[in-house]
């Protein structure tokens, strides 16, 4: 059976070359099939064969990674997931480019962010974590995309110097909740609220930062303490990616309008394979 455009799902990941975005793109490749692979299947006149062929076609997903360079990160250029994805150049602050990039998508994931380093101006931190996600999200809304997945943040109240970072994250969360999410229009918005994200951050030149060496023991301690501390415990990178994939692809998951996935849920509910 030919995979027609109406059957093909397209997920656009903004920030697909970043720490979290690349993990989401990779996770998408693990649970879906390339449209090229599913281009044709043998069919017969039986209803059962037609149903099987339709089911096969339903997991064909076009994965688009949008970034400023339009190319995979240097460390991933030889990895199968990066070869599977389509890489497009897009300035997340350019409305026209964003609208062109999301056109025809069935889901859009925004995973752009930046840490509040002390040498950065406050307005730059707010923009990097706010507008760079709101503008693609609004473009998706205007182009008729029905699912928006935003990687937000749970920000511990006891960590100083995060006001600008928090303001940017709050801007995109408010947009997703108050503007994009619409039960009457069939639009669903998902906000993932991870605290610190534990994993291995891979840099250019073969440099890696094994964040999990510190964060994983911290998570174990905070979970053992229980209560509200779990919301501040570091969450594995793979869990965040699994949650984003489920939100982007699983039509039965989430509320009809707005769904918030807490840090506690990311830790406890997304430790295995995506359903």
Protein backbone atom coordinates (compact mmCIF):
# COMPACT_ATOMS: atom_id res chain seq x y z
CA UNK A 1 0.00 0.00 0.00
CA UNK A 2 1.27 3.45 -0.88
CA UNK A 3 1.85 5.72 2.10
CA UNK A 4 -0.20 8.78 1.23
CA UNK A 5 0.35 12.28 2.66
CA UNK A 6 -2.81 11.94 4.76
CA UNK A 7 -1.29 8.92 6.54
CA UNK A 8 2.16 10.42 7.00
CA UNK A 9 2.87 12.11 10.30
CA UNK A 10 5.49 14.82 10.51
CA UNK A 11 7.11 15.91 13.77
CA UNK A 12 9.22 19.06 13.75
CA UNK A 13 11.74 19.41 16.59
CA UNK A 14 13.06 22.93 17.17
CA UNK A 15 16.43 22.75 18.88
CA UNK A 16 17.03 19.32 17.37
CA UNK A 17 20.81 19.73 17.58
CA UNK A 18 20.79 20.59 21.28
CA UNK A 19 21.20 18.49 24.39
CA UNK A 20 17.51 17.72 24.95
CA UNK A 21 16.30 18.22 21.37
CA UNK A 22 18.76 15.71 19.91
CA UNK A 23 17.67 13.13 22.50
CA UNK A 24 14.04 13.67 21.47
CA UNK A 25 14.90 13.30 17.79
CA UNK A 26 16.83 10.12 18.49
CA UNK A 27 13.94 8.72 20.56
CA UNK A 28 11.56 9.44 17.69
CA UNK A 29 13.69 7.34 15.36
CA UNK A 30 13.58 4.41 17.79
CA UNK A 31 9.78 4.11 17.81
CA UNK A 32 8.89 5.09 14.25
CA UNK A 33 9.73 4.09 10.70
CA UNK A 34 11.10 6.20 7.89
CA UNK A 35 8.52 7.13 5.24
CA UNK A 36 10.93 5.80 2.62
CA UNK A 37 10.91 2.35 4.23
CA UNK A 38 7.12 2.33 4.41
CA UNK A 39 6.63 3.69 0.90
CA UNK A 40 5.06 0.49 -0.43
CA UNK A 41 3.74 -2.76 1.02
CA UNK A 42 2.30 -5.84 -0.61
CA UNK A 43 -1.50 -5.82 -0.58
CA UNK A 44 -4.25 -8.34 -1.26
CA UNK A 45 -8.00 -8.01 -1.58
CA UNK A 46 -8.64 -9.29 1.95
CA UNK A 47 -9.81 -6.84 4.60
CA UNK A 48 -7.24 -8.21 7.06
CA UNK A 49 -4.35 -7.50 4.71
CA UNK A 50 -5.60 -3.98 4.12
CA UNK A 51 -5.86 -3.37 7.85
CA UNK A 52 -2.33 -4.67 8.41
CA UNK A 53 -0.99 -2.44 5.66
CA UNK A 54 -2.72 0.59 7.15
CA UNK A 55 -1.25 -0.19 10.56
CA UNK A 56 2.21 -0.49 9.01
CA UNK A 57 1.81 2.88 7.33
CA UNK A 58 0.68 4.56 10.54
CA UNK A 59 4.15 4.41 12.11
CA UNK A 60 5.77 6.18 9.17
CA UNK A 61 6.93 9.51 10.58
CA UNK A 62 8.86 12.29 8.90
CA UNK A 63 11.23 13.66 11.57
CA UNK A 64 12.37 17.21 10.92
CA UNK A 65 15.07 18.85 13.05
CA UNK A 66 15.12 22.64 12.84
CA UNK A 67 18.17 24.57 13.98
CA UNK A 68 20.19 27.66 13.18
CA UNK A 69 22.74 25.65 11.19
CA UNK A 70 20.38 23.22 9.49
CA UNK A 71 22.83 20.39 10.17
CA UNK A 72 23.28 17.75 12.85
CA UNK A 73 25.80 18.48 15.60
CA UNK A 74 29.33 17.41 14.72
CA UNK A 75 29.31 14.56 17.24
CA UNK A 76 26.18 13.03 15.68
CA UNK A 77 26.96 13.24 11.98
CA UNK A 78 27.74 9.54 11.68
CA UNK A 79 24.92 8.32 13.91
CA UNK A 80 21.92 6.54 12.36
CA UNK A 81 19.31 8.73 14.05
CA UNK A 82 20.86 11.88 12.60
CA UNK A 83 20.89 10.35 9.13
CA UNK A 84 17.24 9.38 9.51
CA UNK A 85 16.08 12.91 10.42
CA UNK A 86 15.68 15.74 7.93
CA UNK A 87 17.67 18.79 8.93
CA UNK A 88 16.42 22.25 8.03
CA UNK A 89 17.85 25.68 8.72
CA UNK A 90 15.45 27.91 10.63
CA UNK A 91 15.84 30.97 12.81
CA UNK A 92 13.36 30.41 15.63
CA UNK A 93 12.87 34.18 15.94
CA UNK A 94 11.88 34.54 12.27
CA UNK A 95 8.11 34.18 11.92
CA UNK A 96 8.13 33.48 8.18
CA UNK A 97 10.82 30.82 8.46
CA UNK A 98 9.01 29.14 11.34
CA UNK A 99 5.71 29.04 9.45
CA UNK A 100 7.40 27.49 6.44
CA UNK A 101 9.18 24.93 8.62
CA UNK A 102 6.07 23.75 10.49
CA UNK A 103 3.73 23.71 7.50
CA UNK A 104 2.20 20.25 7.15
CA UNK A 105 3.41 19.06 10.57
CA UNK A 106 1.19 16.95 12.80
CA UNK A 107 3.18 17.88 15.92
CA UNK A 108 5.78 20.48 16.83
CA UNK A 109 8.28 20.11 19.67
CA UNK A 110 10.13 23.15 21.00
CA UNK A 111 13.27 22.28 22.93
CA UNK A 112 15.26 25.50 22.72
CA UNK A 113 16.82 26.93 25.84
CA UNK A 114 19.91 28.38 27.36
CA UNK A 115 21.39 28.41 30.83
CA UNK A 116 21.52 31.74 32.67
CA UNK A 117 25.26 32.24 32.57
CA UNK A 118 26.32 35.35 34.52
CA UNK A 119 27.94 37.01 31.50
CA UNK A 120 24.63 37.06 29.59
CA UNK A 121 22.20 39.96 29.77
CA UNK A 122 18.85 39.30 31.40
CA UNK A 123 16.87 40.12 28.25
CA UNK A 124 18.98 37.68 26.25
CA UNK A 125 18.27 34.87 28.71
CA UNK A 126 14.54 35.65 28.64
CA UNK A 127 14.49 35.67 24.83
CA UNK A 128 16.47 32.45 24.50
CA UNK A 129 14.09 30.56 26.77
CA UNK A 130 10.88 32.39 25.87
CA UNK A 131 10.47 33.91 22.41
CA UNK A 132 12.55 31.24 20.68
CA UNK A 133 9.88 28.74 21.73
CA UNK A 134 6.79 30.97 21.56
CA UNK A 135 7.36 32.07 17.96
CA UNK A 136 7.60 28.49 16.56
CA UNK A 137 4.60 27.55 18.71
CA UNK A 138 2.51 30.42 17.38
CA UNK A 139 3.60 29.58 13.83
CA UNK A 140 2.40 26.02 14.43
CA UNK A 141 -0.95 27.32 15.66
CA UNK A 142 -1.37 29.56 12.63
CA UNK A 143 -0.48 26.71 10.27
CA UNK A 144 -3.10 24.40 11.77
CA UNK A 145 -0.80 22.07 13.73
CA UNK A 146 -2.82 20.26 16.41
CA UNK A 147 -0.11 19.17 18.89
CA UNK A 148 2.52 21.29 20.57
CA UNK A 149 5.10 19.83 22.96
CA UNK A 150 7.17 22.31 24.97
CA UNK A 151 10.21 21.43 27.05
CA UNK A 152 9.78 23.75 30.00
CA UNK A 153 11.40 23.56 33.42
CA UNK A 154 10.79 23.02 37.10
CA UNK A 155 12.89 25.66 38.80
CA UNK A 156 13.94 25.07 42.41
CA UNK A 157 13.08 28.07 44.59
CA UNK A 158 16.32 27.73 46.55
CA UNK A 159 18.62 28.29 43.54
CA UNK A 160 19.53 31.98 43.11
CA UNK A 161 20.07 33.81 39.82
CA UNK A 162 17.34 32.09 37.83
CA UNK A 163 14.79 34.92 37.54
CA UNK A 164 15.40 35.64 33.84
CA UNK A 165 15.50 31.95 33.01
CA UNK A 166 12.23 31.43 34.87
CA UNK A 167 10.61 34.39 33.12
CA UNK A 168 11.43 32.98 29.68
CA UNK A 169 10.11 29.53 30.56
CA UNK A 170 6.95 31.11 32.02
CA UNK A 171 6.31 32.96 28.77
CA UNK A 172 6.22 29.83 26.64
CA UNK A 173 4.24 27.91 29.25
CA UNK A 174 1.61 30.67 29.30
CA UNK A 175 1.40 30.66 25.52
CA UNK A 176 0.95 26.89 25.37
CA UNK A 177 -1.69 26.87 28.10
CA UNK A 178 -3.62 30.06 27.33
CA UNK A 179 -3.33 30.41 23.55
CA UNK A 180 -2.39 27.17 21.82
CA UNK A 181 -4.40 24.70 23.88
CA UNK A 182 -7.99 24.68 22.64
CA UNK A 183 -10.40 21.83 23.17
CA UNK A 184 -12.91 23.38 20.77
CA UNK A 185 -10.31 23.61 17.98
CA UNK A 186 -8.82 20.20 18.68
CA UNK A 187 -5.42 21.60 19.66
CA UNK A 188 -3.42 19.93 22.43
CA UNK A 189 -0.47 21.46 24.24
CA UNK A 190 1.93 19.55 26.47
CA UNK A 191 4.40 21.15 28.86
CA UNK A 192 7.24 18.99 30.17
CA UNK A 193 8.56 20.31 33.48
CA UNK A 194 11.95 18.69 34.12
CA UNK A 195 14.24 19.93 36.84
CA UNK A 196 17.94 19.44 36.05
CA UNK A 197 18.33 16.95 33.19
CA UNK A 198 20.81 14.18 33.89
CA UNK A 199 22.78 12.58 31.07
CA UNK A 200 25.92 12.93 29.01
CA UNK A 201 26.23 16.24 27.21
CA UNK A 202 28.25 15.70 24.08
CA UNK A 203 30.27 18.60 22.76
CA UNK A 204 32.31 19.14 19.63
CA UNK A 205 35.76 17.63 19.31
CA UNK A 206 34.78 14.48 21.15
CA UNK A 207 34.39 16.24 24.50
CA UNK A 208 31.70 14.84 26.81
CA UNK A 209 30.30 16.10 30.09
CA UNK A 210 28.99 13.18 32.18
CA UNK A 211 26.42 15.15 34.16
CA UNK A 212 24.85 11.93 35.39
CA UNK A 213 27.85 11.21 37.62
CA UNK A 214 26.67 13.96 39.95
CA UNK A 215 22.98 14.17 39.15
CA UNK A 216 22.02 10.50 39.42
CA UNK A 217 23.15 10.15 43.05
CA UNK A 218 21.42 13.44 43.80
CA UNK A 219 18.18 12.10 42.34
CA UNK A 220 18.42 8.96 44.48
CA UNK A 221 18.86 11.03 47.64
CA UNK A 222 15.98 13.41 46.87
CA UNK A 223 13.64 10.55 45.94
CA UNK A 224 14.51 8.80 49.19
CA UNK A 225 13.57 11.96 51.08
CA UNK A 226 10.21 11.94 49.31
CA UNK A 227 7.59 14.67 49.31
CA UNK A 228 8.05 17.88 47.33
CA UNK A 229 11.79 17.25 46.95
CA UNK A 230 11.08 14.81 44.12
CA UNK A 231 9.96 17.75 41.98
CA UNK A 232 13.50 19.13 42.26
CA UNK A 233 15.33 15.85 41.61
CA UNK A 234 17.36 15.55 38.38
CA UNK A 235 15.53 13.56 35.71
CA UNK A 236 17.25 11.27 33.18
CA UNK A 237 17.55 12.74 29.69
CA UNK A 238 16.02 9.59 28.20
CA UNK A 239 12.87 10.03 30.31
CA UNK A 240 12.35 13.55 29.00
CA UNK A 241 12.78 12.30 25.44
CA UNK A 242 10.29 9.45 25.94
CA UNK A 243 7.70 11.82 27.36
CA UNK A 244 8.10 14.21 24.44
CA UNK A 245 7.70 11.36 21.96
CA UNK A 246 4.57 10.10 23.68
CA UNK A 247 3.06 13.58 23.72
CA UNK A 248 3.87 14.09 20.04
CA UNK A 249 2.65 10.74 18.72
CA UNK A 250 0.14 9.13 21.08
CA UNK A 251 -3.33 10.43 20.22
CA UNK A 252 -4.80 8.77 23.32
CA UNK A 253 -2.39 10.45 25.72
CA UNK A 254 -3.09 13.60 27.67
CA UNK A 255 -6.05 15.90 28.17
CA UNK A 256 -8.10 17.38 25.37
CA UNK A 257 -6.57 20.81 25.86
CA UNK A 258 -3.57 21.32 28.13
CA UNK A 259 -1.42 18.68 29.80
CA UNK A 260 1.42 19.34 32.23
CA UNK A 261 3.93 16.56 32.77
CA UNK A 262 5.61 17.17 36.10
CA UNK A 263 9.17 16.34 37.03
CA UNK A 264 7.87 13.61 39.35
CA UNK A 265 5.92 12.07 36.46
CA UNK A 266 8.94 12.28 34.16
CA UNK A 267 10.99 10.34 36.71
CA UNK A 268 8.41 7.75 37.69
CA UNK A 269 6.31 7.23 34.54
CA UNK A 270 8.81 7.40 31.69
CA UNK A 271 11.63 5.14 32.77
CA UNK A 272 10.90 2.45 30.18
CA UNK A 273 10.09 2.20 26.52
CA UNK A 274 7.51 4.49 24.98
CA UNK A 275 4.14 2.79 24.84
